[in-house]
Amino acid sequence: FFLLAHALYKGTLFLVAGSVDHSTGTRELFKLQRLGGPMKLAGLAATL
């Protein structure tokens, strides 16, 4: 169960990290904030 759950949520978060990097040009945590407005679908996926 953990193997299946980990594949789903970790795959999601990796893809979201790529979308953030692709759209903003950075993956640095402290340079990223308030992206929920312009990236609603990515924010929803990351939250789930």
All heavy atoms as atom14 arrays in JSON, in Angstrom:
{
  "sequence": "FFLLAHALYKGTLFLVAGSVDHSTGTRELFKLQRLGGPMKLAGLAATL",
  "atom14_mask": [
    [1, 1, 1, 1, 1, 1, 1, 1, 1, 1, 1, 0, 0, 0],
    [1, 1, 1, 1, 1, 1, 1, 1, 1, 1, 1, 0, 0, 0],
    [1, 1, 1, 1, 1, 1, 1, 1, 0, 0, 0, 0, 0, 0],
    [1, 1, 1, 1, 1, 1, 1, 1, 0, 0, 0, 0, 0, 0],
    [1, 1, 1, 1, 1, 0, 0, 0, 0, 0, 0, 0, 0, 0],
    [1, 1, 1, 1, 1, 1, 1, 1, 1, 1, 0, 0, 0, 0],
    [1, 1, 1, 1, 1, 0, 0, 0, 0, 0, 0, 0, 0, 0],
    [1, 1, 1, 1, 1, 1, 1, 1, 0, 0, 0, 0, 0, 0],
    [1, 1, 1, 1, 1, 1, 1, 1, 1, 1, 1, 1, 0, 0],
    [1, 1, 1, 1, 1, 1, 1, 1, 1, 0, 0, 0, 0, 0],
    [1, 1, 1, 1, 0, 0, 0, 0, 0, 0, 0, 0, 0, 0],
    [1, 1, 1, 1, 1, 1, 1, 0, 0, 0, 0, 0, 0, 0],
    [1, 1, 1, 1, 1, 1, 1, 1, 0, 0, 0, 0, 0, 0],
    [1, 1, 1, 1, 1, 1, 1, 1, 1, 1, 1, 0, 0, 0],
    [1, 1, 1, 1, 1, 1, 1, 1, 0, 0, 0, 0, 0, 0],
    [1, 1, 1, 1, 1, 1, 1, 0, 0, 0, 0, 0, 0, 0],
    [1, 1, 1, 1, 1, 0, 0, 0, 0, 0, 0, 0, 0, 0],
    [1, 1, 1, 1, 0, 0, 0, 0, 0, 0, 0, 0, 0, 0],
    [1, 1, 1, 1, 1, 1, 0, 0, 0, 0, 0, 0, 0, 0],
    [1, 1, 1, 1, 1, 1, 1, 0, 0, 0, 0, 0, 0, 0],
    [1, 1, 1, 1, 1, 1, 1, 1, 0, 0, 0, 0, 0, 0],
    [1, 1, 1, 1, 1, 1, 1, 1, 1, 1, 0, 0, 0, 0],
    [1, 1, 1, 1, 1, 1, 0, 0, 0, 0, 0, 0, 0, 0],
    [1, 1, 1, 1, 1, 1, 1, 0, 0, 0, 0, 0, 0, 0],
    [1, 1, 1, 1, 0, 0, 0, 0, 0, 0, 0, 0, 0, 0],
    [1, 1, 1, 1, 1, 1, 1, 0, 0, 0, 0, 0, 0, 0],
    [1, 1, 1, 1, 1, 1, 1, 1, 1, 1, 1, 0, 0, 0],
    [1, 1, 1, 1, 1, 1, 1, 1, 1, 0, 0, 0, 0, 0],
    [1, 1, 1, 1, 1, 1, 1, 1, 0, 0, 0, 0, 0, 0],
    [1, 1, 1, 1, 1, 1, 1, 1, 1, 1, 1, 0, 0, 0],
    [1, 1, 1, 1, 1, 1, 1, 1, 1, 0, 0, 0, 0, 0],
    [1, 1, 1, 1, 1, 1, 1, 1, 0, 0, 0, 0, 0, 0],
    [1, 1, 1, 1, 1, 1, 1, 1, 1, 0, 0, 0, 0, 0],
    [1, 1, 1, 1, 1, 1, 1, 1, 1, 1, 1, 0, 0, 0],
    [1, 1, 1, 1, 1, 1, 1, 1, 0, 0, 0, 0, 0, 0],
    [1, 1, 1, 1, 0, 0, 0, 0, 0, 0, 0, 0, 0, 0],
    [1, 1, 1, 1, 0, 0, 0, 0, 0, 0, 0, 0, 0, 0],
    [1, 1, 1, 1, 1, 1, 1, 0, 0, 0, 0, 0, 0, 0],
    [1, 1, 1, 1, 1, 1, 1, 1, 0, 0, 0, 0, 0, 0],
    [1, 1, 1, 1, 1, 1, 1, 1, 1, 0, 0, 0, 0, 0],
    [1, 1, 1, 1, 1, 1, 1, 1, 0, 0, 0, 0, 0, 0],
    [1, 1, 1, 1, 1, 0, 0, 0, 0, 0, 0, 0, 0, 0],
    [1, 1, 1, 1, 0, 0, 0, 0, 0, 0, 0, 0, 0, 0],
    [1, 1, 1, 1, 1, 1, 1, 1, 0, 0, 0, 0, 0, 0],
    [1, 1, 1, 1, 1, 0, 0, 0, 0, 0, 0, 0, 0, 0],
    [1, 1, 1, 1, 1, 0, 0, 0, 0, 0, 0, 0, 0, 0],
    [1, 1, 1, 1, 1, 1, 1, 0, 0, 0, 0, 0, 0, 0],
    [1, 1, 1, 1, 1, 1, 1, 1, 0, 0, 0, 0, 0, 0]
  ],
  "atom14_positions": [
    [[0.83, -1.21, 0.0], [0.0, 0.0, 0.0], [0.86, 1.26, 0.0], [0.55, 2.24, -0.69], [-0.95, -0.01, 1.2], [-2.2, -0.79, 0.97], [-2.28, -2.11, 1.33], [-3.3, -0.21, 0.35], [-3.44, -2.85, 1.1], [-4.45, -0.93, 0.12], [-4.53, -2.26, 0.49], [0.0, 0.0, 0.0], [0.0, 0.0, 0.0], [0.0, 0.0, 0.0]],
    [[1.94, 1.23, 0.77], [2.8, 2.41, 0.8], [3.52, 2.59, -0.53], [3.72, 3.72, -1.0], [3.82, 2.28, 1.94], [4.74, 3.47, 2.05], [4.27, 4.71, 2.42], [6.09, 3.35, 1.74], [5.11, 5.81, 2.51], [6.94, 4.43, 1.82], [6.44, 5.67, 2.22], [0.0, 0.0, 0.0], [0.0, 0.0, 0.0], [0.0, 0.0, 0.0]],
    [[3.91, 1.47, -1.17], [4.57, 1.56, -2.48], [3.65, 2.24, -3.5], [4.08, 3.13, -4.25], [4.95, 0.15, -2.95], [5.74, 0.02, -4.24], [6.66, -1.2, -4.16], [4.84, -0.13, -5.46], [0.0, 0.0, 0.0], [0.0, 0.0, 0.0], [0.0, 0.0, 0.0], [0.0, 0.0, 0.0], [0.0, 0.0, 0.0], [0.0, 0.0, 0.0]],
    [[2.38, 1.83, -3.52], [1.43, 2.42, -4.47], [1.15, 3.88, -4.13], [1.15, 4.74, -5.02], [0.13, 1.61, -4.46], [-0.99, 2.09, -5.38], [-0.52, 2.15, -6.82], [-2.22, 1.2, -5.25], [0.0, 0.0, 0.0], [0.0, 0.0, 0.0], [0.0, 0.0, 0.0], [0.0, 0.0, 0.0], [0.0, 0.0, 0.0], [0.0, 0.0, 0.0]],
    [[0.93, 4.17, -2.85], [0.65, 5.54, -2.45], [1.83, 6.45, -2.75], [1.67, 7.58, -3.24], [0.3, 5.59, -0.97], [0.0, 0.0, 0.0], [0.0, 0.0, 0.0], [0.0, 0.0, 0.0], [0.0, 0.0, 0.0], [0.0, 0.0, 0.0], [0.0, 0.0, 0.0], [0.0, 0.0, 0.0], [0.0, 0.0, 0.0], [0.0, 0.0, 0.0]],
    [[3.05, 5.97, -2.45], [4.24, 6.77, -2.69], [4.42, 7.07, -4.17], [4.78, 8.19, -4.56], [5.48, 6.05, -2.15], [6.76, 6.75, -2.45], [7.55, 6.44, -3.54], [7.38, 7.78, -1.82], [8.6, 7.23, -3.57], [8.54, 8.05, -2.54], [0.0, 0.0, 0.0], [0.0, 0.0, 0.0], [0.0, 0.0, 0.0], [0.0, 0.0, 0.0]],
    [[4.19, 6.09, -5.02], [4.33, 6.32, -6.46], [3.39, 7.42, -6.93], [3.77, 8.28, -7.73], [4.06, 5.02, -7.22], [0.0, 0.0, 0.0], [0.0, 0.0, 0.0], [0.0, 0.0, 0.0], [0.0, 0.0, 0.0], [0.0, 0.0, 0.0], [0.0, 0.0, 0.0], [0.0, 0.0, 0.0], [0.0, 0.0, 0.0], [0.0, 0.0, 0.0]],
    [[2.15, 7.42, -6.43], [1.16, 8.4, -6.87], [1.49, 9.8, -6.38], [1.52, 10.76, -7.16], [-0.23, 7.98, -6.4], [-0.78, 6.69, -7.05], [-2.09, 6.28, -6.4], [-0.98, 6.88, -8.54], [0.0, 0.0, 0.0], [0.0, 0.0, 0.0], [0.0, 0.0, 0.0], [0.0, 0.0, 0.0], [0.0, 0.0, 0.0], [0.0, 0.0, 0.0]],
    [[1.74, 9.95, -5.07], [1.95, 11.32, -4.58], [3.34, 11.84, -4.94], [3.5, 13.03, -5.21], [1.65, 11.44, -3.09], [2.62, 10.82, -2.12], [3.91, 11.3, -1.94], [2.21, 9.77, -1.28], [4.78, 10.75, -1.02], [3.07, 9.21, -0.36], [4.35, 9.71, -0.23], [5.21, 9.16, 0.7], [0.0, 0.0, 0.0], [0.0, 0.0, 0.0]],
    [[4.36, 10.97, -4.98], [5.68, 11.48, -5.31], [5.79, 11.8, -6.8], [6.44, 12.79, -7.19], [6.74, 10.46, -4.89], [8.18, 10.99, -4.94], [8.37, 12.23, -4.07], [8.2, 11.95, -2.6], [9.25, 11.15, -2.01], [0.0, 0.0, 0.0], [0.0, 0.0, 0.0], [0.0, 0.0, 0.0], [0.0, 0.0, 0.0], [0.0, 0.0, 0.0]],
    [[5.16, 10.99, -7.64], [5.12, 11.32, -9.05], [4.43, 12.66, -9.29], [4.88, 13.48, -10.1], [0.0, 0.0, 0.0], [0.0, 0.0, 0.0], [0.0, 0.0, 0.0], [0.0, 0.0, 0.0], [0.0, 0.0, 0.0], [0.0, 0.0, 0.0], [0.0, 0.0, 0.0], [0.0, 0.0, 0.0], [0.0, 0.0, 0.0], [0.0, 0.0, 0.0]],
    [[3.34, 12.89, -8.58], [2.63, 14.16, -8.69], [3.52, 15.33, -8.3], [3.61, 16.34, -9.02], [1.38, 14.15, -7.79], [0.54, 13.08, -8.18], [0.63, 15.47, -7.92], [0.0, 0.0, 0.0], [0.0, 0.0, 0.0], [0.0, 0.0, 0.0], [0.0, 0.0, 0.0], [0.0, 0.0, 0.0], [0.0, 0.0, 0.0], [0.0, 0.0, 0.0]],
    [[4.18, 15.22, -7.17], [4.98, 16.34, -6.67], [6.19, 16.61, -7.57], [6.58, 17.77, -7.76], [5.43, 16.05, -5.24], [4.29, 16.02, -4.2], [4.81, 15.63, -2.84], [3.59, 17.38, -4.14], [0.0, 0.0, 0.0], [0.0, 0.0, 0.0], [0.0, 0.0, 0.0], [0.0, 0.0, 0.0], [0.0, 0.0, 0.0], [0.0, 0.0, 0.0]],
    [[6.79, 15.56, -8.12], [7.89, 15.79, -9.07], [7.4, 16.54, -10.3], [8.06, 17.47, -10.78], [8.51, 14.45, -9.49], [9.72, 14.06, -8.68], [9.71, 12.91, -7.91], [10.86, 14.83, -8.71], [10.82, 12.54, -7.17], [11.98, 14.47, -7.97], [11.96, 13.33, -7.2], [0.0, 0.0, 0.0], [0.0, 0.0, 0.0], [0.0, 0.0, 0.0]],
    [[6.26, 16.13, -10.83], [5.73, 16.79, -12.01], [5.33, 18.23, -11.71], [5.53, 19.14, -12.53], [4.53, 16.02, -12.55], [4.82, 14.62, -13.1], [3.55, 13.94, -13.56], [5.83, 14.67, -14.23], [0.0, 0.0, 0.0], [0.0, 0.0, 0.0], [0.0, 0.0, 0.0], [0.0, 0.0, 0.0], [0.0, 0.0, 0.0], [0.0, 0.0, 0.0]],
    [[4.78, 18.47, -10.52], [4.44, 19.83, -10.13], [5.7, 20.68, -9.98], [5.74, 21.84, -10.42], [3.63, 19.83, -8.81], [3.52, 21.25, -8.24], [2.25, 19.25, -9.04], [0.0, 0.0, 0.0], [0.0, 0.0, 0.0], [0.0, 0.0, 0.0], [0.0, 0.0, 0.0], [0.0, 0.0, 0.0], [0.0, 0.0, 0.0], [0.0, 0.0, 0.0]],
    [[6.74, 20.1, -9.39], [8.01, 20.84, -9.27], [8.55, 21.21, -10.65], [9.06, 22.32, -10.85], [9.03, 20.0, -8.51], [0.0, 0.0, 0.0], [0.0, 0.0, 0.0], [0.0, 0.0, 0.0], [0.0, 0.0, 0.0], [0.0, 0.0, 0.0], [0.0, 0.0, 0.0], [0.0, 0.0, 0.0], [0.0, 0.0, 0.0], [0.0, 0.0, 0.0]],
    [[8.39, 20.31, -11.62], [8.82, 20.62, -12.97], [7.98, 21.72, -13.59], [8.51, 22.6, -14.3], [0.0, 0.0, 0.0], [0.0, 0.0, 0.0], [0.0, 0.0, 0.0], [0.0, 0.0, 0.0], [0.0, 0.0, 0.0], [0.0, 0.0, 0.0], [0.0, 0.0, 0.0], [0.0, 0.0, 0.0], [0.0, 0.0, 0.0], [0.0, 0.0, 0.0]],
    [[6.67, 21.7, -13.35], [5.81, 22.75, -13.88], [6.17, 24.11, -13.29], [6.2, 25.12, -14.01], [4.34, 22.42, -13.56], [3.96, 21.21, -14.16], [0.0, 0.0, 0.0], [0.0, 0.0, 0.0], [0.0, 0.0, 0.0], [0.0, 0.0, 0.0], [0.0, 0.0, 0.0], [0.0, 0.0, 0.0], [0.0, 0.0, 0.0], [0.0, 0.0, 0.0]],
    [[6.45, 24.13, -11.99], [6.84, 25.38, -11.33], [8.15, 25.9, -11.92], [8.28, 27.09, -12.24], [6.95, 25.16, -9.81], [7.61, 26.37, -9.14], [5.59, 24.9, -9.2], [0.0, 0.0, 0.0], [0.0, 0.0, 0.0], [0.0, 0.0, 0.0], [0.0, 0.0, 0.0], [0.0, 0.0, 0.0], [0.0, 0.0, 0.0], [0.0, 0.0, 0.0]],
    [[9.12, 25.01, -12.06], [10.41, 25.4, -12.63], [10.25, 25.89, -14.07], [10.85, 26.89, -14.48], [11.36, 24.2, -12.57], [12.77, 24.55, -13.02], [13.12, 25.75, -13.0], [13.51, 23.63, -13.41], [0.0, 0.0, 0.0], [0.0, 0.0, 0.0], [0.0, 0.0, 0.0], [0.0, 0.0, 0.0], [0.0, 0.0, 0.0], [0.0, 0.0, 0.0]],
    [[9.44, 25.19, -14.83], [9.22, 25.55, -16.24], [8.53, 26.91, -16.36], [8.83, 27.69, -17.28], [8.37, 24.46, -16.91], [8.45, 24.46, -18.4], [7.65, 25.27, -19.18], [9.23, 23.76, -19.26], [7.93, 25.05, -20.45], [8.89, 24.14, -20.54], [0.0, 0.0, 0.0], [0.0, 0.0, 0.0], [0.0, 0.0, 0.0], [0.0, 0.0, 0.0]],
    [[7.61, 27.2, -15.44], [6.82, 28.43, -15.54], [7.48, 29.63, -14.88], [7.25, 30.77, -15.3], [5.44, 28.21, -14.91], [4.74, 27.17, -15.56], [0.0, 0.0, 0.0], [0.0, 0.0, 0.0], [0.0, 0.0, 0.0], [0.0, 0.0, 0.0], [0.0, 0.0, 0.0], [0.0, 0.0, 0.0], [0.0, 0.0, 0.0], [0.0, 0.0, 0.0]],
    [[8.29, 29.39, -13.86], [8.91, 30.51, -13.12], [10.4, 30.63, -13.37], [10.98, 31.69, -13.12], [8.68, 30.34, -11.61], [9.36, 29.15, -11.16], [7.19, 30.22, -11.29], [0.0, 0.0, 0.0], [0.0, 0.0, 0.0], [0.0, 0.0, 0.0], [0.0, 0.0, 0.0], [0.0, 0.0, 0.0], [0.0, 0.0, 0.0], [0.0, 0.0, 0.0]],
    [[11.05, 29.55, -13.82], [12.49, 29.59, -14.05], [13.32, 29.3, -12.83], [14.55, 29.46, -12.84], [0.0, 0.0, 0.0], [0.0, 0.0, 0.0], [0.0, 0.0, 0.0], [0.0, 0.0, 0.0], [0.0, 0.0, 0.0], [0.0, 0.0, 0.0], [0.0, 0.0, 0.0], [0.0, 0.0, 0.0], [0.0, 0.0, 0.0], [0.0, 0.0, 0.0]],
    [[12.7, 28.83, -11.73], [13.45, 28.52, -10.52], [12.78, 27.4, -9.75], [11.55, 27.19, -9.86], [13.58, 29.76, -9.61], [14.36, 29.41, -8.45], [12.21, 30.25, -9.15], [0.0, 0.0, 0.0], [0.0, 0.0, 0.0], [0.0, 0.0, 0.0], [0.0, 0.0, 0.0], [0.0, 0.0, 0.0], [0.0, 0.0, 0.0], [0.0, 0.0, 0.0]],
    [[13.59, 26.65, -8.98], [13.08, 25.62, -8.07], [13.44, 25.94, -6.63], [13.2, 25.12, -5.74], [13.65, 24.25, -8.44], [13.26, 23.72, -9.78], [13.53, 22.22, -9.88], [14.87, 21.87, -9.5], [15.86, 21.64, -10.36], [15.64, 21.76, -11.66], [17.06, 21.31, -9.94], [0.0, 0.0, 0.0], [0.0, 0.0, 0.0], [0.0, 0.0, 0.0]],
    [[14.02, 27.09, -6.4], [14.43, 27.47, -5.05], [13.21, 27.79, -4.2], [12.38, 28.63, -4.55], [15.37, 28.67, -5.09], [16.8, 28.31, -5.35], [17.39, 27.4, -4.27], [17.18, 27.68, -3.08], [18.04, 26.41, -4.63], [0.0, 0.0, 0.0], [0.0, 0.0, 0.0], [0.0, 0.0, 0.0], [0.0, 0.0, 0.0], [0.0, 0.0, 0.0]],
    [[13.12, 27.13, -3.06], [11.95, 27.2, -2.21], [11.62, 28.63, -1.78], [10.46, 29.07, -1.82], [12.17, 26.31, -0.98], [10.97, 26.09, -0.06], [9.88, 25.32, -0.78], [11.41, 25.34, 1.19], [0.0, 0.0, 0.0], [0.0, 0.0, 0.0], [0.0, 0.0, 0.0], [0.0, 0.0, 0.0], [0.0, 0.0, 0.0], [0.0, 0.0, 0.0]],
    [[12.63, 29.39, -1.38], [12.38, 30.71, -0.83], [12.18, 31.78, -1.9], [11.95, 32.94, -1.58], [13.52, 31.1, 0.11], [13.6, 30.22, 1.32], [14.65, 29.33, 1.48], [12.61, 30.26, 2.28], [14.71, 28.5, 2.58], [12.66, 29.43, 3.39], [13.71, 28.55, 3.55], [0.0, 0.0, 0.0], [0.0, 0.0, 0.0], [0.0, 0.0, 0.0]],
    [[12.28, 31.39, -3.17], [11.95, 32.32, -4.25], [10.54, 32.08, -4.79], [10.11, 32.75, -5.72], [12.96, 32.17, -5.39], [14.38, 32.57, -5.02], [15.31, 32.4, -6.21], [16.74, 32.79, -5.85], [17.67, 32.61, -7.0], [0.0, 0.0, 0.0], [0.0, 0.0, 0.0], [0.0, 0.0, 0.0], [0.0, 0.0, 0.0], [0.0, 0.0, 0.0]],
    [[9.83, 31.11, -4.21], [8.52, 30.72, -4.7], [7.46, 31.01, -3.65], [7.57, 30.54, -2.51], [8.5, 29.23, -5.05], [9.49, 28.77, -6.12], [9.57, 27.26, -6.17], [9.11, 29.33, -7.48], [0.0, 0.0, 0.0], [0.0, 0.0, 0.0], [0.0, 0.0, 0.0], [0.0, 0.0, 0.0], [0.0, 0.0, 0.0], [0.0, 0.0, 0.0]],
    [[6.46, 31.75, -4.0], [5.36, 32.04, -3.09], [4.15, 32.55, -3.86], [4.28, 33.13, -4.94], [5.78, 33.05, -2.03], [6.39, 34.34, -2.57], [6.95, 35.21, -1.48], [6.71, 34.97, -0.3], [7.71, 36.23, -1.85], [0.0, 0.0, 0.0], [0.0, 0.0, 0.0], [0.0, 0.0, 0.0], [0.0, 0.0, 0.0], [0.0, 0.0, 0.0]],
    [[2.98, 32.26, -3.3], [1.7, 32.74, -3.83], [1.5, 32.35, -5.3], [1.01, 33.14, -6.1], [1.6, 34.26, -3.67], [1.63, 34.72, -2.22], [1.62, 36.24, -2.12], [0.43, 36.81, -2.74], [0.25, 38.12, -2.94], [1.19, 38.97, -2.56], [-0.85, 38.57, -3.51], [0.0, 0.0, 0.0], [0.0, 0.0, 0.0], [0.0, 0.0, 0.0]],
    [[1.84, 31.1, -5.61], [1.63, 30.61, -6.98], [0.26, 29.99, -7.18], [-0.08, 29.57, -8.28], [2.71, 29.58, -7.34], [4.14, 30.11, -7.5], [5.1, 28.96, -7.76], [4.21, 31.13, -8.63], [0.0, 0.0, 0.0], [0.0, 0.0, 0.0], [0.0, 0.0, 0.0], [0.0, 0.0, 0.0], [0.0, 0.0, 0.0], [0.0, 0.0, 0.0]],
    [[-0.54, 29.9, -6.12], [-1.85, 29.28, -6.22], [-2.8, 30.02, -7.14], [-3.69, 29.4, -7.74], [0.0, 0.0, 0.0], [0.0, 0.0, 0.0], [0.0, 0.0, 0.0], [0.0, 0.0, 0.0], [0.0, 0.0, 0.0], [0.0, 0.0, 0.0], [0.0, 0.0, 0.0], [0.0, 0.0, 0.0], [0.0, 0.0, 0.0], [0.0, 0.0, 0.0]],
    [[-2.61, 31.32, -7.28], [-3.49, 32.09, -8.16], [-3.23, 31.81, -9.63], [-4.11, 31.32, -10.35], [0.0, 0.0, 0.0], [0.0, 0.0, 0.0], [0.0, 0.0, 0.0], [0.0, 0.0, 0.0], [0.0, 0.0, 0.0], [0.0, 0.0, 0.0], [0.0, 0.0, 0.0], [0.0, 0.0, 0.0], [0.0, 0.0, 0.0], [0.0, 0.0, 0.0]],
    [[-2.03, 32.08, -10.11], [-1.77, 31.86, -11.54], [-1.61, 30.38, -11.91], [-1.69, 30.05, -13.09], [-0.46, 32.62, -11.77], [0.21, 32.65, -10.44], [-0.89, 32.73, -9.43], [0.0, 0.0, 0.0], [0.0, 0.0, 0.0], [0.0, 0.0, 0.0], [0.0, 0.0, 0.0], [0.0, 0.0, 0.0], [0.0, 0.0, 0.0], [0.0, 0.0, 0.0]],
    [[-1.37, 29.5, -10.94], [-1.18, 28.07, -11.24], [-2.15, 27.25, -10.39], [-1.75, 26.41, -9.59], [0.27, 27.65, -10.97], [1.31, 28.4, -11.79], [3.01, 27.84, -11.47], [2.96, 26.17, -12.11], [0.0, 0.0, 0.0], [0.0, 0.0, 0.0], [0.0, 0.0, 0.0], [0.0, 0.0, 0.0], [0.0, 0.0, 0.0], [0.0, 0.0, 0.0]],
    [[-3.43, 27.48, -10.6], [-4.45, 26.85, -9.76], [-4.44, 25.33, -9.88], [-4.51, 24.62, -8.87], [-5.84, 27.38, -10.13], [-6.09, 28.82, -9.75], [-7.52, 29.21, -10.07], [-7.8, 30.65, -9.62], [-6.98, 31.63, -10.35], [0.0, 0.0, 0.0], [0.0, 0.0, 0.0], [0.0, 0.0, 0.0], [0.0, 0.0, 0.0], [0.0, 0.0, 0.0]],
    [[-4.36, 24.8, -11.11], [-4.4, 23.35, -11.28], [-3.17, 22.68, -10.68], [-3.27, 21.62, -10.04], [-4.51, 23.01, -12.78], [-5.83, 23.39, -13.45], [-5.8, 23.03, -14.92], [-6.99, 22.7, -12.76], [0.0, 0.0, 0.0], [0.0, 0.0, 0.0], [0.0, 0.0, 0.0], [0.0, 0.0, 0.0], [0.0, 0.0, 0.0], [0.0, 0.0, 0.0]],
    [[-2.0, 23.28, -10.87], [-0.79, 22.74, -10.26], [-0.88, 22.8, -8.75], [-0.47, 21.87, -8.04], [0.44, 23.5, -10.76], [0.0, 0.0, 0.0], [0.0, 0.0, 0.0], [0.0, 0.0, 0.0], [0.0, 0.0, 0.0], [0.0, 0.0, 0.0], [0.0, 0.0, 0.0], [0.0, 0.0, 0.0], [0.0, 0.0, 0.0], [0.0, 0.0, 0.0]],
    [[-1.42, 23.92, -8.2], [-1.59, 24.05, -6.76], [-2.55, 23.02, -6.21], [-2.33, 22.45, -5.13], [0.0, 0.0, 0.0], [0.0, 0.0, 0.0], [0.0, 0.0, 0.0], [0.0, 0.0, 0.0], [0.0, 0.0, 0.0], [0.0, 0.0, 0.0], [0.0, 0.0, 0.0], [0.0, 0.0, 0.0], [0.0, 0.0, 0.0], [0.0, 0.0, 0.0]],
    [[-3.64, 22.75, -6.95], [-4.6, 21.74, -6.52], [-3.95, 20.36, -6.51], [-4.12, 19.59, -5.54], [-5.81, 21.75, -7.46], [-6.87, 20.68, -7.2], [-7.45, 20.81, -5.8], [-7.97, 20.74, -8.27], [0.0, 0.0, 0.0], [0.0, 0.0, 0.0], [0.0, 0.0, 0.0], [0.0, 0.0, 0.0], [0.0, 0.0, 0.0], [0.0, 0.0, 0.0]],
    [[-3.22, 20.03, -7.57], [-2.55, 18.72, -7.63], [-1.54, 18.58, -6.5], [-1.46, 17.54, -5.84], [-1.86, 18.55, -8.98], [0.0, 0.0, 0.0], [0.0, 0.0, 0.0], [0.0, 0.0, 0.0], [0.0, 0.0, 0.0], [0.0, 0.0, 0.0], [0.0, 0.0, 0.0], [0.0, 0.0, 0.0], [0.0, 0.0, 0.0], [0.0, 0.0, 0.0]],
    [[-0.74, 19.64, -6.25], [0.25, 19.59, -5.18], [-0.41, 19.42, -3.83], [0.09, 18.69, -2.96], [1.1, 20.85, -5.21], [0.0, 0.0, 0.0], [0.0, 0.0, 0.0], [0.0, 0.0, 0.0], [0.0, 0.0, 0.0], [0.0, 0.0, 0.0], [0.0, 0.0, 0.0], [0.0, 0.0, 0.0], [0.0, 0.0, 0.0], [0.0, 0.0, 0.0]],
    [[-1.53, 20.1, -3.62], [-2.22, 20.01, -2.32], [-2.76, 18.61, -2.09], [-2.62, 18.04, -1.0], [-3.35, 21.04, -2.27], [-2.81, 22.35, -2.47], [-4.06, 20.99, -0.92], [0.0, 0.0, 0.0], [0.0, 0.0, 0.0], [0.0, 0.0, 0.0], [0.0, 0.0, 0.0], [0.0, 0.0, 0.0], [0.0, 0.0, 0.0], [0.0, 0.0, 0.0]],
    [[-3.41, 18.03, -3.11], [-3.94, 16.67, -2.96], [-2.81, 15.67, -2.7], [-2.93, 14.78, -1.85], [-4.71, 16.29, -4.22], [-6.0, 17.07, -4.5], [-6.59, 16.67, -5.85], [-7.02, 16.85, -3.39], [0.0, 0.0, 0.0], [0.0, 0.0, 0.0], [0.0, 0.0, 0.0], [0.0, 0.0, 0.0], [0.0, 0.0, 0.0], [0.0, 0.0, 0.0]]
  ]
}
